[in-house]
């Protein structure tokens, strides 16, 4: 492996670590949102909010000239939002038991 390749891989590893930290922070906030939804007797899933989040992300990506297509954003953030919903569903079911 070349020194340049090793350097690039180290940069990717650092970015991956930062992504893990950000995802953890996001999940902590998702947990709190789930609690607030339960207290307010709101549904866990809000399709309108999800669509607005995706639209905002796509707009910001285009405005900032990022190399992420709409499909990329849909794929990545659908997975993130689905995980958030799964977490909220599991937590709400635990409270019922």
C-alpha atoms as a PDB file:
ATOM      1  CA  UNK A   1       0.000   0.000   0.000  1.00  0.00           C
ATOM      2  CA  UNK A   2       1.287   3.422  -0.887  1.00  0.00           C
ATOM      3  CA  UNK A   3       1.768   6.168   1.685  1.00  0.00           C
ATOM      4  CA  UNK A   4      -0.846   8.277  -0.096  1.00  0.00           C
ATOM      5  CA  UNK A   5      -3.408   5.470   0.013  1.00  0.00           C
ATOM      6  CA  UNK A   6      -2.722   4.956   3.714  1.00  0.00           C
ATOM      7  CA  UNK A   7      -3.165   8.692   4.345  1.00  0.00           C
ATOM      8  CA  UNK A   8      -6.483   8.728   2.479  1.00  0.00           C
ATOM      9  CA  UNK A   9      -7.727   5.693   4.403  1.00  0.00           C
ATOM     10  CA  UNK A  10      -6.815   7.366   7.680  1.00  0.00           C
ATOM     11  CA  UNK A  11      -8.867  10.384   6.634  1.00  0.00           C
ATOM     12  CA  UNK A  12     -11.828   8.124   5.875  1.00  0.00           C
ATOM     13  CA  UNK A  13     -11.424   6.443   9.273  1.00  0.00           C
ATOM     14  CA  UNK A  14     -11.489   9.836  10.990  1.00  0.00           C
ATOM     15  CA  UNK A  15     -14.625  10.870   9.103  1.00  0.00           C
ATOM     16  CA  UNK A  16     -16.266   7.539   9.968  1.00  0.00           C
ATOM     17  CA  UNK A  17     -15.515   8.125  13.651  1.00  0.00           C
ATOM     18  CA  UNK A  18     -17.080  11.584  13.421  1.00  0.00           C
ATOM     19  CA  UNK A  19     -20.149  10.109  11.711  1.00  0.00           C
ATOM     20  CA  UNK A  20     -20.516   7.562  14.513  1.00  0.00           C
ATOM     21  CA  UNK A  21     -20.400  10.326  17.100  1.00  0.00           C
ATOM     22  CA  UNK A  22     -22.973  12.402  15.207  1.00  0.00           C
ATOM     23  CA  UNK A  23     -25.279   9.411  14.767  1.00  0.00           C
ATOM     24  CA  UNK A  24     -25.031   8.687  18.489  1.00  0.00           C
ATOM     25  CA  UNK A  25     -25.926  12.310  19.262  1.00  0.00           C
ATOM     26  CA  UNK A  26     -28.842  12.108  16.844  1.00  0.00           C
ATOM     27  CA  UNK A  27     -30.130   8.924  18.476  1.00  0.00           C
ATOM     28  CA  UNK A  28     -30.009  10.605  21.892  1.00  0.00           C
ATOM     29  CA  UNK A  29     -32.196  13.407  20.561  1.00  0.00           C
ATOM     30  CA  UNK A  30     -34.505  10.873  18.873  1.00  0.00           C
ATOM     31  CA  UNK A  31     -34.941   9.218  22.272  1.00  0.00           C
ATOM     32  CA  UNK A  32     -36.022  12.549  23.790  1.00  0.00           C
ATOM     33  CA  UNK A  33     -38.355  13.275  20.867  1.00  0.00           C
ATOM     34  CA  UNK A  34     -39.980   9.875  21.370  1.00  0.00           C
ATOM     35  CA  UNK A  35     -40.610  10.688  25.028  1.00  0.00           C
ATOM     36  CA  UNK A  36     -42.148  14.048  24.102  1.00  0.00           C
ATOM     37  CA  UNK A  37     -44.383  12.408  21.489  1.00  0.00           C
ATOM     38  CA  UNK A  38     -45.619   9.892  24.059  1.00  0.00           C
ATOM     39  CA  UNK A  39     -46.342  12.614  26.606  1.00  0.00           C
ATOM     40  CA  UNK A  40     -48.277  14.586  24.001  1.00  0.00           C
ATOM     41  CA  UNK A  41     -50.026  11.431  22.676  1.00  0.00           C
ATOM     42  CA  UNK A  42     -48.670  12.063  19.196  1.00  0.00           C
ATOM     43  CA  UNK A  43     -48.015   9.329  16.635  1.00  0.00           C
ATOM     44  CA  UNK A  44     -44.409   8.191  16.444  1.00  0.00           C
ATOM     45  CA  UNK A  45     -44.289   8.551  12.662  1.00  0.00           C
ATOM     46  CA  UNK A  46     -44.861  11.869  10.938  1.00  0.00           C
ATOM     47  CA  UNK A  47     -44.752  11.380   7.180  1.00  0.00           C
ATOM     48  CA  UNK A  48     -45.095  15.099   6.507  1.00  0.00           C
ATOM     49  CA  UNK A  49     -42.084  15.857   8.710  1.00  0.00           C
ATOM     50  CA  UNK A  50     -40.041  13.102   7.034  1.00  0.00           C
ATOM     51  CA  UNK A  51     -40.772  14.480   3.568  1.00  0.00           C
ATOM     52  CA  UNK A  52     -39.931  18.019   4.697  1.00  0.00           C
ATOM     53  CA  UNK A  53     -36.616  16.846   6.192  1.00  0.00           C
ATOM     54  CA  UNK A  54     -35.686  15.067   2.954  1.00  0.00           C
ATOM     55  CA  UNK A  55     -36.662  18.069   0.846  1.00  0.00           C
ATOM     56  CA  UNK A  56     -34.628  20.409   3.063  1.00  0.00           C
ATOM     57  CA  UNK A  57     -31.591  18.127   2.886  1.00  0.00           C
ATOM     58  CA  UNK A  58     -31.791  17.875  -0.895  1.00  0.00           C
ATOM     59  CA  UNK A  59     -32.115  21.642  -1.205  1.00  0.00           C
ATOM     60  CA  UNK A  60     -29.147  22.259   1.097  1.00  0.00           C
ATOM     61  CA  UNK A  61     -27.045  19.696  -0.781  1.00  0.00           C
ATOM     62  CA  UNK A  62     -27.779  21.440  -4.074  1.00  0.00           C
ATOM     63  CA  UNK A  63     -27.205  24.923  -2.629  1.00  0.00           C
ATOM     64  CA  UNK A  64     -23.847  23.840  -1.221  1.00  0.00           C
ATOM     65  CA  UNK A  65     -22.962  21.993  -4.461  1.00  0.00           C
ATOM     66  CA  UNK A  66     -22.404  18.713  -2.619  1.00  0.00           C
ATOM     67  CA  UNK A  67     -21.843  15.562  -4.638  1.00  0.00           C
ATOM     68  CA  UNK A  68     -24.908  13.793  -3.237  1.00  0.00           C
ATOM     69  CA  UNK A  69     -27.797  12.997  -5.530  1.00  0.00           C
ATOM     70  CA  UNK A  70     -31.414  13.071  -4.408  1.00  0.00           C
ATOM     71  CA  UNK A  71     -31.329   9.262  -4.485  1.00  0.00           C
ATOM     72  CA  UNK A  72     -28.228   9.237  -2.266  1.00  0.00           C
ATOM     73  CA  UNK A  73     -29.949  11.480   0.263  1.00  0.00           C
ATOM     74  CA  UNK A  74     -33.140   9.397   0.145  1.00  0.00           C
ATOM     75  CA  UNK A  75     -31.240   6.157   0.717  1.00  0.00           C
ATOM     76  CA  UNK A  76     -29.032   7.442   3.528  1.00  0.00           C
ATOM     77  CA  UNK A  77     -31.656   9.401   5.419  1.00  0.00           C
ATOM     78  CA  UNK A  78     -34.470   6.881   4.994  1.00  0.00           C
ATOM     79  CA  UNK A  79     -32.204   4.379   6.752  1.00  0.00           C
ATOM     80  CA  UNK A  80     -31.382   6.880   9.505  1.00  0.00           C
ATOM     81  CA  UNK A  81     -35.032   7.859   9.978  1.00  0.00           C
ATOM     82  CA  UNK A  82     -36.182   4.233   9.945  1.00  0.00           C
ATOM     83  CA  UNK A  83     -33.686   3.417  12.689  1.00  0.00           C
ATOM     84  CA  UNK A  84     -34.977   6.388  14.686  1.00  0.00           C
ATOM     85  CA  UNK A  85     -38.557   5.188  14.306  1.00  0.00           C
ATOM     86  CA  UNK A  86     -37.585   1.646  15.302  1.00  0.00           C
ATOM     87  CA  UNK A  87     -35.925   3.001  18.440  1.00  0.00           C
ATOM     88  CA  UNK A  88     -39.020   5.015  19.367  1.00  0.00           C
ATOM     89  CA  UNK A  89     -41.330   2.039  18.725  1.00  0.00           C
ATOM     90  CA  UNK A  90     -39.205  -0.259  20.902  1.00  0.00           C
ATOM     91  CA  UNK A  91     -39.119   2.288  23.702  1.00  0.00           C
ATOM     92  CA  UNK A  92     -42.861   2.884  23.550  1.00  0.00           C
ATOM     93  CA  UNK A  93     -43.557  -0.865  23.646  1.00  0.00           C
ATOM     94  CA  UNK A  94     -41.331  -1.250  26.703  1.00  0.00           C
ATOM     95  CA  UNK A  95     -43.378   1.382  28.533  1.00  0.00           C
ATOM     96  CA  UNK A  96     -46.598  -0.496  27.733  1.00  0.00           C
ATOM     97  CA  UNK A  97     -45.344  -3.737  29.282  1.00  0.00           C
END
